[in-house]
PDB file of N, CA and C in Angstrom:
ATOM      1  N   MET A   1      67.817  93.468 105.895  1.00  0.00           N
ATOM      2  CA  MET A   1      68.832  93.576 104.860  1.00  0.00           C
ATOM      3  C   MET A   1      68.585  94.852 104.065  1.00  0.00           C
ATOM      4  N   VAL A   2      69.645  95.475 103.621  1.00  0.00           N
ATOM      5  CA  VAL A   2      69.569  96.698 102.841  1.00  0.00           C
ATOM      6  C   VAL A   2      68.979  96.395 101.467  1.00  0.00           C
ATOM      7  N   LYS A   3      68.071  97.270 101.032  1.00  0.00           N
ATOM      8  CA  LYS A   3      67.435  97.071  99.726  1.00  0.00           C
ATOM      9  C   LYS A   3      68.497  97.005  98.626  1.00  0.00           C
ATOM     10  N   GLY A   4      68.400  95.992  97.779  1.00  0.00           N
ATOM     11  CA  GLY A   4      69.334  95.831  96.668  1.00  0.00           C
ATOM     12  C   GLY A   4      70.635  95.132  97.032  1.00  0.00           C
ATOM     13  N   ALA A   5      70.850  94.855  98.300  1.00  0.00           N
ATOM     14  CA  ALA A   5      72.114  94.252  98.735  1.00  0.00           C
ATOM     15  C   ALA A   5      72.291  92.839  98.204  1.00  0.00           C
ATOM     16  N   THR A   6      71.199  92.077  98.076  1.00  0.00           N
ATOM     17  CA  THR A   6      71.337  90.693  97.621  1.00  0.00           C
ATOM     18  C   THR A   6      71.829  90.627  96.183  1.00  0.00           C
ATOM     19  N   GLY A   7      71.510  91.605  95.372  1.00  0.00           N
ATOM     20  CA  GLY A   7      71.968  91.622  93.982  1.00  0.00           C
ATOM     21  C   GLY A   7      73.449  91.875  93.842  1.00  0.00           C
ATOM     22  N   LYS A   8      74.077  92.342  94.889  1.00  0.00           N
ATOM     23  CA  LYS A   8      75.499  92.659  94.833  1.00  0.00           C
ATOM     24  C   LYS A   8      76.390  91.525  95.327  1.00  0.00           C
ATOM     25  N   VAL A   9      75.797  90.483  95.859  1.00  0.00           N
ATOM     26  CA  VAL A   9      76.586  89.402  96.452  1.00  0.00           C
ATOM     27  C   VAL A   9      77.534  88.797  95.429  1.00  0.00           C
ATOM     28  N   ILE A  10      77.032  88.381  94.283  1.00  0.00           N
ATOM     29  CA  ILE A  10      77.877  87.748  93.261  1.00  0.00           C
ATOM     30  C   ILE A  10      78.893  88.744  92.720  1.00  0.00           C
ATOM     31  N   ALA A  11      78.463  89.969  92.486  1.00  0.00           N
ATOM     32  CA  ALA A  11      79.366  90.978  91.938  1.00  0.00           C
ATOM     33  C   ALA A  11      80.517  91.297  92.883  1.00  0.00           C
ATOM     34  N   LYS A  12      80.318  91.140  94.164  1.00  0.00           N
ATOM     35  CA  LYS A  12      81.359  91.470  95.145  1.00  0.00           C
ATOM     36  C   LYS A  12      82.364  90.343  95.361  1.00  0.00           C
ATOM     37  N   LEU A  13      82.062  89.148  94.841  1.00  0.00           N
ATOM     38  CA  LEU A  13      82.993  88.036  95.012  1.00  0.00           C
ATOM     39  C   LEU A  13      84.257  88.267  94.186  1.00  0.00           C
ATOM     40  N   LYS A  14      85.373  87.927  94.751  1.00  0.00           N
ATOM     41  CA  LYS A  14      86.664  88.102  94.092  1.00  0.00           C
ATOM     42  C   LYS A  14      86.876  87.034  93.013  1.00  0.00           C
ATOM     43  N   PHE A  15      87.713  87.355  92.038  1.00  0.00           N
ATOM     44  CA  PHE A  15      88.041  86.414  90.969  1.00  0.00           C
ATOM     45  C   PHE A  15      88.636  85.140  91.574  1.00  0.00           C
ATOM     46  N   ALA A  16      89.453  85.304  92.603  1.00  0.00           N
ATOM     47  CA  ALA A  16      90.069  84.140  93.255  1.00  0.00           C
ATOM     48  C   ALA A  16      89.018  83.195  93.830  1.00  0.00           C
ATOM     49  N   PHE A  17      87.879  83.739  94.283  1.00  0.00           N
ATOM     50  CA  PHE A  17      86.801  82.887  94.790  1.00  0.00           C
ATOM     51  C   PHE A  17      86.342  81.924  93.703  1.00  0.00           C
ATOM     52  N   TRP A  18      86.115  82.452  92.485  1.00  0.00           N
ATOM     53  CA  TRP A  18      85.631  81.618  91.390  1.00  0.00           C
ATOM     54  C   TRP A  18      86.670  80.580  90.990  1.00  0.00           C
ATOM     55  N   CYS A  19      87.923  80.974  90.983  1.00  0.00           N
ATOM     56  CA  CYS A  19      88.978  79.996  90.670  1.00  0.00           C
ATOM     57  C   CYS A  19      88.976  78.878  91.701  1.00  0.00           C
ATOM     58  N   HIS A  20      88.917  79.255  92.962  1.00  0.00           N
ATOM     59  CA  HIS A  20      88.929  78.250  94.032  1.00  0.00           C
ATOM     60  C   HIS A  20      87.704  77.341  93.958  1.00  0.00           C
ATOM     61  N   ALA A  21      86.570  77.879  93.544  1.00  0.00           N
ATOM     62  CA  ALA A  21      85.350  77.080  93.439  1.00  0.00           C
ATOM     63  C   ALA A  21      85.482  75.957  92.418  1.00  0.00           C
ATOM     64  N   PHE A  22      86.418  76.090  91.494  1.00  0.00           N
ATOM     65  CA  PHE A  22      86.609  75.070  90.458  1.00  0.00           C
ATOM     66  C   PHE A  22      87.793  74.152  90.733  1.00  0.00           C
ATOM     67  N   THR A  23      88.318  74.176  91.945  1.00  0.00           N
ATOM     68  CA  THR A  23      89.380  73.237  92.294  1.00  0.00           C
ATOM     69  C   THR A  23      88.778  71.847  92.493  1.00  0.00           C
ATOM     70  N   SER A  24      89.622  70.842  92.467  1.00  0.00           N
ATOM     71  CA  SER A  24      89.152  69.457  92.590  1.00  0.00           C
ATOM     72  C   SER A  24      88.466  69.193  93.930  1.00  0.00           C
ATOM     73  N   ARG A  25      88.717  70.031  94.905  1.00  0.00           N
ATOM     74  CA  ARG A  25      88.103  69.869  96.228  1.00  0.00           C
ATOM     75  C   ARG A  25      86.576  69.814  96.142  1.00  0.00           C
ATOM     76  N   TYR A  26      85.988  70.512  95.159  1.00  0.00           N
ATOM     77  CA  TYR A  26      84.533  70.599  95.038  1.00  0.00           C
ATOM     78  C   TYR A  26      83.959  69.695  93.946  1.00  0.00           C
ATOM     79  N   GLN A  27      84.794  68.824  93.402  1.00  0.00           N
ATOM     80  CA  GLN A  27      84.356  67.969  92.297  1.00  0.00           C
ATOM     81  C   GLN A  27      83.112  67.158  92.663  1.00  0.00           C
ATOM     82  N   VAL A  28      83.176  66.395  93.729  1.00  0.00           N
ATOM     83  CA  VAL A  28      82.074  65.503  94.093  1.00  0.00           C
ATOM     84  C   VAL A  28      80.896  66.288  94.668  1.00  0.00           C
ATOM     85  N   ARG A  29      81.178  67.206  95.580  1.00  0.00           N
ATOM     86  CA  ARG A  29      80.100  67.930  96.269  1.00  0.00           C
ATOM     87  C   ARG A  29      79.347  68.909  95.380  1.00  0.00           C
ATOM     88  N   VAL A  30      80.020  69.468  94.386  1.00  0.00           N
ATOM     89  CA  VAL A  30      79.372  70.510  93.573  1.00  0.00           C
ATOM     90  C   VAL A  30      79.291  70.135  92.102  1.00  0.00           C
ATOM     91  N   TRP A  31      80.427  69.827  91.496  1.00  0.00           N
ATOM     92  CA  TRP A  31      80.486  69.806  90.037  1.00  0.00           C
ATOM     93  C   TRP A  31      79.996  68.532  89.374  1.00  0.00           C
ATOM     94  N   ASP A  32      80.131  67.381  89.994  1.00  0.00           N
ATOM     95  CA  ASP A  32      79.653  66.155  89.344  1.00  0.00           C
ATOM     96  C   ASP A  32      78.186  66.278  88.940  1.00  0.00           C
ATOM     97  N   ALA A  33      77.372  66.836  89.804  1.00  0.00           N
ATOM     98  CA  ALA A  33      75.935  66.936  89.528  1.00  0.00           C
ATOM     99  C   ALA A  33      75.521  68.242  88.861  1.00  0.00           C
ATOM    100  N   ASN A  34      76.377  69.271  88.900  1.00  0.00           N
ATOM    101  CA  ASN A  34      75.921  70.599  88.484  1.00  0.00           C
ATOM    102  C   ASN A  34      76.678  71.258  87.342  1.00  0.00           C
ATOM    103  N   ILE A  35      77.789  70.690  86.909  1.00  0.00           N
ATOM    104  CA  ILE A  35      78.591  71.400  85.920  1.00  0.00           C
ATOM    105  C   ILE A  35      77.854  71.578  84.593  1.00  0.00           C
ATOM    106  N   ARG A  36      77.084  70.590  84.198  1.00  0.00           N
ATOM    107  CA  ARG A  36      76.335  70.696  82.930  1.00  0.00           C
ATOM    108  C   ARG A  36      75.197  71.710  83.028  1.00  0.00           C
ATOM    109  N   HIS A  37      74.674  71.895  84.223  1.00  0.00           N
ATOM    110  CA  HIS A  37      73.639  72.913  84.414  1.00  0.00           C
ATOM    111  C   HIS A  37      74.260  74.314  84.364  1.00  0.00           C
ATOM    112  N   ALA A  38      75.405  74.484  85.009  1.00  0.00           N
ATOM    113  CA  ALA A  38      76.069  75.783  85.047  1.00  0.00           C
ATOM    114  C   ALA A  38      76.716  76.144  83.707  1.00  0.00           C
ATOM    115  N   PHE A  39      77.189  75.126  82.992  1.00  0.00           N
ATOM    116  CA  PHE A  39      77.860  75.321  81.707  1.00  0.00           C
ATOM    117  C   PHE A  39      77.250  74.353  80.695  1.00  0.00           C
ATOM    118  N   PRO A  40      76.093  74.688  80.149  1.00  0.00           N
ATOM    119  CA  PRO A  40      75.373  73.739  79.293  1.00  0.00           C
ATOM    120  C   PRO A  40      76.044  73.443  77.951  1.00  0.00           C
ATOM    121  N   ASN A  41      77.036  74.222  77.568  1.00  0.00           N
ATOM    122  CA  ASN A  41      77.660  74.042  76.253  1.00  0.00           C
ATOM    123  C   ASN A  41      79.069  73.458  76.328  1.00  0.00           C
ATOM    124  N   LEU A  42      79.354  72.772  77.419  1.00  0.00           N
ATOM    125  CA  LEU A  42      80.653  72.108  77.553  1.00  0.00           C
ATOM    126  C   LEU A  42      80.770  70.969  76.545  1.00  0.00           C
ATOM    127  N   PRO A  43      82.003  70.597  76.188  1.00  0.00           N
ATOM    128  CA  PRO A  43      82.173  69.448  75.297  1.00  0.00           C
ATOM    129  C   PRO A  43      81.524  68.198  75.892  1.00  0.00           C
ATOM    130  N   ALA A  44      80.646  67.585  75.137  1.00  0.00           N
ATOM    131  CA  ALA A  44      79.897  66.424  75.626  1.00  0.00           C
ATOM    132  C   ALA A  44      80.792  65.208  75.849  1.00  0.00           C
ATOM    133  N   ALA A  45      81.888  65.115  75.131  1.00  0.00           N
ATOM    134  CA  ALA A  45      82.746  63.933  75.221  1.00  0.00           C
ATOM    135  C   ALA A  45      83.560  63.877  76.509  1.00  0.00           C
ATOM    136  N   TYR A  46      83.641  64.995  77.227  1.00  0.00           N
ATOM    137  CA  TYR A  46      84.470  65.038  78.428  1.00  0.00           C
ATOM    138  C   TYR A  46      83.663  64.786  79.682  1.00  0.00           C
ATOM    139  N   SER A  47      84.300  64.200  80.666  1.00  0.00           N
ATOM    140  CA  SER A  47      83.657  63.951  81.956  1.00  0.00           C
ATOM    141  C   SER A  47      83.504  65.265  82.714  1.00  0.00           C
ATOM    142  N   ALA A  48      82.714  65.226  83.768  1.00  0.00           N
ATOM    143  CA  ALA A  48      82.550  66.408  84.615  1.00  0.00           C
ATOM    144  C   ALA A  48      83.899  66.840  85.190  1.00  0.00           C
ATOM    145  N   ALA A  49      84.734  65.881  85.543  1.00  0.00           N
ATOM    146  CA  ALA A  49      86.037  66.205  86.125  1.00  0.00           C
ATOM    147  C   ALA A  49      86.942  66.892  85.105  1.00  0.00           C
ATOM    148  N   LEU A  50      86.969  66.396  83.876  1.00  0.00           N
ATOM    149  CA  LEU A  50      87.807  67.031  82.850  1.00  0.00           C
ATOM    150  C   LEU A  50      87.298  68.422  82.488  1.00  0.00           C
ATOM    151  N   ASN A  51      85.986  68.587  82.425  1.00  0.00           N
ATOM    152  CA  ASN A  51      85.426  69.899  82.144  1.00  0.00           C
ATOM    153  C   ASN A  51      85.719  70.882  83.271  1.00  0.00           C
ATOM    154  N   ARG A  52      85.552  70.430  84.517  1.00  0.00           N
ATOM    155  CA  ARG A  52      85.858  71.296  85.652  1.00  0.00           C
ATOM    156  C   ARG A  52      87.321  71.701  85.646  1.00  0.00           C
ATOM    157  N   GLN A  53      88.189  70.767  85.341  1.00  0.00           N
ATOM    158  CA  GLN A  53      89.624  71.058  85.300  1.00  0.00           C
ATOM    159  C   GLN A  53      89.943  72.059  84.195  1.00  0.00           C
ATOM    160  N   ALA A  54      89.322  71.925  83.035  1.00  0.00           N
ATOM    161  CA  ALA A  54      89.547  72.869  81.941  1.00  0.00           C
ATOM    162  C   ALA A  54      89.095  74.277  82.332  1.00  0.00           C
ATOM    163  N   ILE A  55      87.951  74.362  82.981  1.00  0.00           N
ATOM    164  CA  ILE A  55      87.461  75.668  83.446  1.00  0.00           C
ATOM    165  C   ILE A  55      88.421  76.247  84.469  1.00  0.00           C
ATOM    166  N   TYR A  56      88.844  75.427  85.412  1.00  0.00           N
ATOM    167  CA  TYR A  56      89.781  75.897  86.435  1.00  0.00           C
ATOM    168  C   TYR A  56      91.074  76.424  85.812  1.00  0.00           C
ATOM    169  N   LEU A  57      91.648  75.677  84.902  1.00  0.00           N
ATOM    170  CA  LEU A  57      92.914  76.088  84.289  1.00  0.00           C
ATOM    171  C   LEU A  57      92.767  77.406  83.546  1.00  0.00           C
ATOM    172  N   ASP A  58      91.669  77.569  82.806  1.00  0.00           N
ATOM    173  CA  ASP A  58      91.444  78.829  82.096  1.00  0.00           C
ATOM    174  C   ASP A  58      91.215  79.977  83.068  1.00  0.00           C
ATOM    175  N   LEU A  59      90.372  79.764  84.075  1.00  0.00           N
ATOM    176  CA  LEU A  59      90.097  80.828  85.046  1.00  0.00           C
ATOM    177  C   LEU A  59      91.361  81.239  85.796  1.00  0.00           C
ATOM    178  N   ASP A  60      92.140  80.265  86.227  1.00  0.00           N
ATOM    179  CA  ASP A  60      93.341  80.592  86.991  1.00  0.00           C
ATOM    180  C   ASP A  60      94.360  81.330  86.126  1.00  0.00           C
ATOM    181  N   SER A  61      94.494  80.929  84.883  1.00  0.00           N
ATOM    182  CA  SER A  61      95.393  81.618  83.968  1.00  0.00           C
ATOM    183  C   SER A  61      94.925  83.061  83.742  1.00  0.00           C
ATOM    184  N   LEU A  62      93.629  83.245  83.557  1.00  0.00           N
ATOM    185  CA  LEU A  62      93.081  84.589  83.365  1.00  0.00           C
ATOM    186  C   LEU A  62      93.200  85.436  84.633  1.00  0.00           C
ATOM    187  N   ARG A  63      93.061  84.806  85.789  1.00  0.00           N
ATOM    188  CA  ARG A  63      93.230  85.532  87.055  1.00  0.00           C
ATOM    189  C   ARG A  63      94.647  86.073  87.181  1.00  0.00           C
ATOM    190  N   LYS A  64      95.623  85.244  86.871  1.00  0.00           N
ATOM    191  CA  LYS A  64      97.017  85.680  86.941  1.00  0.00           C
ATOM    192  C   LYS A  64      97.293  86.777  85.922  1.00  0.00           C
ATOM    193  N   PHE A  65      96.723  86.650  84.740  1.00  0.00           N
ATOM    194  CA  PHE A  65      96.867  87.665  83.695  1.00  0.00           C
ATOM    195  C   PHE A  65      96.243  88.987  84.148  1.00  0.00           C
ATOM    196  N   ARG A  66      95.041  88.921  84.694  1.00  0.00           N
ATOM    197  CA  ARG A  66      94.363  90.123  85.187  1.00  0.00           C
ATOM    198  C   ARG A  66      95.178  90.784  86.293  1.00  0.00           C
ATOM    199  N   ASN A  67      95.770  89.979  87.169  1.00  0.00           N
ATOM    200  CA  ASN A  67      96.596  90.541  88.238  1.00  0.00           C
ATOM    201  C   ASN A  67      97.822  91.256  87.682  1.00  0.00           C
ATOM    202  N   ARG A  68      98.399  90.720  86.627  1.00  0.00           N
ATOM    203  CA  ARG A  68      99.543  91.403  85.992  1.00  0.00           C
ATOM    204  C   ARG A  68      99.122  92.774  85.482  1.00  0.00           C
ATOM    205  N   ILE A  69      97.959  92.814  84.856  1.00  0.00           N
ATOM    206  CA  ILE A  69      97.444  94.092  84.353  1.00  0.00           C
ATOM    207  C   ILE A  69      97.176  95.042  85.521  1.00  0.00           C
ATOM    208  N   ALA A  70      96.545  94.543  86.570  1.00  0.00           N
ATOM    209  CA  ALA A  70      96.205  95.377  87.725  1.00  0.00           C
ATOM    210  C   ALA A  70      97.441  95.950  88.407  1.00  0.00           C
ATOM    211  N   HIS A  71      98.560  95.241  88.328  1.00  0.00           N
ATOM    212  CA  HIS A  71      99.799  95.713  88.941  1.00  0.00           C
ATOM    213  C   HIS A  71     100.700  96.425  87.943  1.00  0.00           C
ATOM    214  N   HIS A  72     100.128  96.778  86.790  1.00  0.00           N
ATOM    215  CA  HIS A  72     100.847  97.538  85.749  1.00  0.00           C
ATOM    216  C   HIS A  72     102.123  96.835  85.299  1.00  0.00           C
ATOM    217  N   GLU A  73     102.066  95.519  85.221  1.00  0.00           N
ATOM    218  CA  GLU A  73     103.204  94.750  84.738  1.00  0.00           C
ATOM    219  C   GLU A  73     103.084  94.600  83.224  1.00  0.00           C
ATOM    220  N   PRO A  74     104.194  94.410  82.534  1.00  0.00           N
ATOM    221  CA  PRO A  74     104.122  94.249  81.079  1.00  0.00           C
ATOM    222  C   PRO A  74     103.408  92.951  80.696  1.00  0.00           C
ATOM    223  N   ILE A  75     102.602  93.023  79.642  1.00  0.00           N
ATOM    224  CA  ILE A  75     101.850  91.837  79.204  1.00  0.00           C
ATOM    225  C   ILE A  75     102.113  91.481  77.748  1.00  0.00           C
ATOM    226  N   LEU A  76     102.959  92.239  77.063  1.00  0.00           N
ATOM    227  CA  LEU A  76     103.165  91.982  75.644  1.00  0.00           C
ATOM    228  C   LEU A  76     103.822  90.635  75.364  1.00  0.00           C
ATOM    229  N   ALA A  77     104.520  90.082  76.340  1.00  0.00           N
ATOM    230  CA  ALA A  77     105.122  88.761  76.169  1.00  0.00           C
ATOM    231  C   ALA A  77     104.125  87.638  76.454  1.00  0.00           C
ATOM    232  N   GLU A  78     102.959  87.997  76.966  1.00  0.00           N
ATOM    233  CA  GLU A  78     101.915  87.013  77.260  1.00  0.00           C
ATOM    234  C   GLU A  78     101.333  86.473  75.955  1.00  0.00           C
ATOM    235  N   PRO A  79     100.814  85.264  75.985  1.00  0.00           N
ATOM    236  CA  PRO A  79     100.141  84.721  74.793  1.00  0.00           C
ATOM    237  C   PRO A  79      98.730  85.327  74.673  1.00  0.00           C
ATOM    238  N   LEU A  80      98.668  86.567  74.209  1.00  0.00           N
ATOM    239  CA  LEU A  80      97.408  87.313  74.180  1.00  0.00           C
ATOM    240  C   LEU A  80      96.298  86.623  73.375  1.00  0.00           C
ATOM    241  N   PRO A  81      96.589  86.056  72.203  1.00  0.00           N
ATOM    242  CA  PRO A  81      95.506  85.359  71.488  1.00  0.00           C
ATOM    243  C   PRO A  81      94.920  84.193  72.289  1.00  0.00           C
ATOM    244  N   GLN A  82      95.759  83.479  73.025  1.00  0.00           N
ATOM    245  CA  GLN A  82      95.262  82.373  73.844  1.00  0.00           C
ATOM    246  C   GLN A  82      94.406  82.881  75.002  1.00  0.00           C
ATOM    247  N   ARG A  83      94.795  84.000  75.579  1.00  0.00           N
ATOM    248  CA  ARG A  83      93.999  84.585  76.664  1.00  0.00           C
ATOM    249  C   ARG A  83      92.624  84.993  76.137  1.00  0.00           C
ATOM    250  N   GLN A  84      92.608  85.626  74.980  1.00  0.00           N
ATOM    251  CA  GLN A  84      91.343  86.043  74.373  1.00  0.00           C
ATOM    252  C   GLN A  84      90.482  84.819  74.038  1.00  0.00           C
ATOM    253  N   GLN A  85      91.102  83.778  73.532  1.00  0.00           N
ATOM    254  CA  GLN A  85      90.356  82.554  73.213  1.00  0.00           C
ATOM    255  C   GLN A  85      89.789  81.910  74.468  1.00  0.00           C
ATOM    256  N   SER A  86      90.530  81.934  75.561  1.00  0.00           N
ATOM    257  CA  SER A  86      90.029  81.388  76.828  1.00  0.00           C
ATOM    258  C   SER A  86      88.774  82.126  77.276  1.00  0.00           C
ATOM    259  N   ILE A  87      88.799  83.438  77.153  1.00  0.00           N
ATOM    260  CA  ILE A  87      87.630  84.234  77.532  1.00  0.00           C
ATOM    261  C   ILE A  87      86.441  83.852  76.666  1.00  0.00           C
ATOM    262  N   ARG A  88      86.654  83.787  75.359  1.00  0.00           N
ATOM    263  CA  ARG A  88      85.562  83.420  74.442  1.00  0.00           C
ATOM    264  C   ARG A  88      85.019  82.028  74.743  1.00  0.00           C
ATOM    265  N   THR A  89      85.910  81.104  74.998  1.00  0.00           N
ATOM    266  CA  THR A  89      85.492  79.721  75.272  1.00  0.00           C
ATOM    267  C   THR A  89      84.671  79.639  76.550  1.00  0.00           C
ATOM    268  N   LEU A  90      85.138  80.270  77.614  1.00  0.00           N
ATOM    269  CA  LEU A  90      84.404  80.229  78.875  1.00  0.00           C
ATOM    270  C   LEU A  90      83.015  80.843  78.732  1.00  0.00           C
ATOM    271  N   ILE A  91      82.931  81.956  78.018  1.00  0.00           N
ATOM    272  CA  ILE A  91      81.624  82.584  77.808  1.00  0.00           C
ATOM    273  C   ILE A  91      80.720  81.653  77.012  1.00  0.00           C
ATOM    274  N   ARG A  92      81.260  81.048  75.974  1.00  0.00           N
ATOM    275  CA  ARG A  92      80.452  80.161  75.127  1.00  0.00           C
ATOM    276  C   ARG A  92      79.980  78.924  75.892  1.00  0.00           C
ATOM    277  N   TRP A  93      80.841  78.358  76.699  1.00  0.00           N
ATOM    278  CA  TRP A  93      80.432  77.202  77.492  1.00  0.00           C
ATOM    279  C   TRP A  93      79.279  77.554  78.423  1.00  0.00           C
ATOM    280  N   ARG A  94      79.262  78.779  78.897  1.00  0.00           N
ATOM    281  CA  ARG A  94      78.193  79.207  79.808  1.00  0.00           C
ATOM    282  C   ARG A  94      76.921  79.560  79.050  1.00  0.00           C
ATOM    283  N   CYS A  95      77.043  80.347  77.941  1.00  0.00           N
ATOM    284  CA  CYS A  95      75.837  80.800  77.237  1.00  0.00           C
ATOM    285  C   CYS A  95      76.181  81.205  75.806  1.00  0.00           C
ATOM    286  N   ILE A  96      75.624  80.521  74.844  1.00  0.00           N
ATOM    287  CA  ILE A  96      75.903  80.804  73.438  1.00  0.00           C
ATOM    288  C   ILE A  96      75.417  82.197  73.057  1.00  0.00           C
ATOM    289  N   GLU A  97      74.240  82.600  73.554  1.00  0.00           N
ATOM    290  CA  GLU A  97      73.705  83.915  73.213  1.00  0.00           C
ATOM    291  C   GLU A  97      74.611  85.042  73.712  1.00  0.00           C
ATOM    292  N   VAL A  98      75.117  84.922  74.923  1.00  0.00           N
ATOM    293  CA  VAL A  98      76.037  85.932  75.455  1.00  0.00           C
ATOM    294  C   VAL A  98      77.333  85.921  74.660  1.00  0.00           C
ATOM    295  N   SER A  99      77.786  84.745  74.266  1.00  0.00           N
ATOM    296  CA  SER A  99      78.994  84.632  73.454  1.00  0.00           C
ATOM    297  C   SER A  99      78.833  85.367  72.119  1.00  0.00           C
ATOM    298  N   GLU A 100      77.687  85.179  71.491  1.00  0.00           N
ATOM    299  CA  GLU A 100      77.428  85.858  70.219  1.00  0.00           C
ATOM    300  C   GLU A 100      77.320  87.369  70.417  1.00  0.00           C
ATOM    301  N   TRP A 101      76.688  87.799  71.492  1.00  0.00           N
ATOM    302  CA  TRP A 101      76.588  89.229  71.801  1.00  0.00           C
ATOM    303  C   TRP A 101      77.981  89.800  72.060  1.00  0.00           C
ATOM    304  N   HIS A 102      78.783  89.091  72.837  1.00  0.00           N
ATOM    305  CA  HIS A 102      80.156  89.522  73.138  1.00  0.00           C
ATOM    306  C   HIS A 102      80.955  89.711  71.847  1.00  0.00           C
ATOM    307  N   ALA A 103      80.781  88.821  70.908  1.00  0.00           N
ATOM    308  CA  ALA A 103      81.515  88.901  69.636  1.00  0.00           C
ATOM    309  C   ALA A 103      81.146  90.144  68.836  1.00  0.00           C
ATOM    310  N   THR A 104      79.967  90.721  69.072  1.00  0.00           N
ATOM    311  CA  THR A 104      79.559  91.907  68.314  1.00  0.00           C
ATOM    312  C   THR A 104      80.219  93.180  68.797  1.00  0.00           C
ATOM    313  N   TRP A 105      80.735  93.190  70.015  1.00  0.00           N
ATOM    314  CA  TRP A 105      81.305  94.437  70.524  1.00  0.00           C
ATOM    315  C   TRP A 105      82.753  94.364  70.994  1.00  0.00           C
ATOM    316  N   GLU A 106      83.265  93.186  71.280  1.00  0.00           N
ATOM    317  CA  GLU A 106      84.652  93.138  71.770  1.00  0.00           C
ATOM    318  C   GLU A 106      85.599  93.561  70.657  1.00  0.00           C
ATOM    319  N   ALA A 107      86.607  94.350  71.011  1.00  0.00           N
ATOM    320  CA  ALA A 107      87.526  94.900  70.015  1.00  0.00           C
ATOM    321  C   ALA A 107      88.934  94.339  70.132  1.00  0.00           C
ATOM    322  N   VAL A 108      89.179  93.521  71.130  1.00  0.00           N
ATOM    323  CA  VAL A 108      90.523  93.003  71.363  1.00  0.00           C
ATOM    324  C   VAL A 108      91.008  92.166  70.175  1.00  0.00           C
ATOM    325  N   SER A 109      90.171  91.278  69.688  1.00  0.00           N
ATOM    326  CA  SER A 109      90.577  90.409  68.569  1.00  0.00           C
ATOM    327  C   SER A 109      90.987  91.222  67.347  1.00  0.00           C
ATOM    328  N   GLN A 110      90.185  92.210  67.005  1.00  0.00           N
ATOM    329  CA  GLN A 110      90.489  93.049  65.834  1.00  0.00           C
ATOM    330  C   GLN A 110      91.761  93.859  66.070  1.00  0.00           C
ATOM    331  N   ASN A 111      91.928  94.379  67.263  1.00  0.00           N
ATOM    332  CA  ASN A 111      93.139  95.145  67.558  1.00  0.00           C
ATOM    333  C   ASN A 111      94.387  94.282  67.523  1.00  0.00           C
ATOM    334  N   MET A 112      94.292  93.047  67.993  1.00  0.00           N
ATOM    335  CA  MET A 112      95.446  92.154  67.928  1.00  0.00           C
ATOM    336  C   MET A 112      95.788  91.811  66.487  1.00  0.00           C
ATOM    337  N   ALA A 113      94.779  91.677  65.643  1.00  0.00           N
ATOM    338  CA  ALA A 113      95.007  91.337  64.241  1.00  0.00           C
ATOM    339  C   ALA A 113      95.682  92.455  63.467  1.00  0.00           C
ATOM    340  N   THR A 114      95.527  93.694  63.913  1.00  0.00           N
ATOM    341  CA  THR A 114      96.099  94.832  63.193  1.00  0.00           C
ATOM    342  C   THR A 114      97.318  95.428  63.877  1.00  0.00           C
ATOM    343  N   LYS A 115      97.832  94.749  64.890  1.00  0.00           N
ATOM    344  CA  LYS A 115      98.999  95.302  65.603  1.00  0.00           C
ATOM    345  C   LYS A 115     100.198  95.393  64.660  1.00  0.00           C
ATOM    346  N   PRO A 116     101.068  96.356  64.917  1.00  0.00           N
ATOM    347  CA  PRO A 116     102.256  96.518  64.043  1.00  0.00           C
ATOM    348  C   PRO A 116     103.240  95.364  64.173  1.00  0.00           C
TER     349      PRO A 116
END
């Protein structure tokens, strides 16, 4: 194997791969036993299935939004605050420290608050 190639495996996976990984097809085989390990800050009151579904819905919505941007389609009619909140929520569910770090540098929220 080429030196450093193993570190690129996750980075090379497409966004659609991650969305598909959170479909109900993998609920029993993957997520019932592992969702709390992968996302330790999920709402405790929800079942593994409800948490997986929430992650899937947010990821799929963000994937479609990202594709609109990639194809230079207009996004001003999109619910931008909700998209930003989805990103923050997903990061926080995965890691509180990364969420706090992200909050120190992301500028989207401030720019949306000052839009004309």
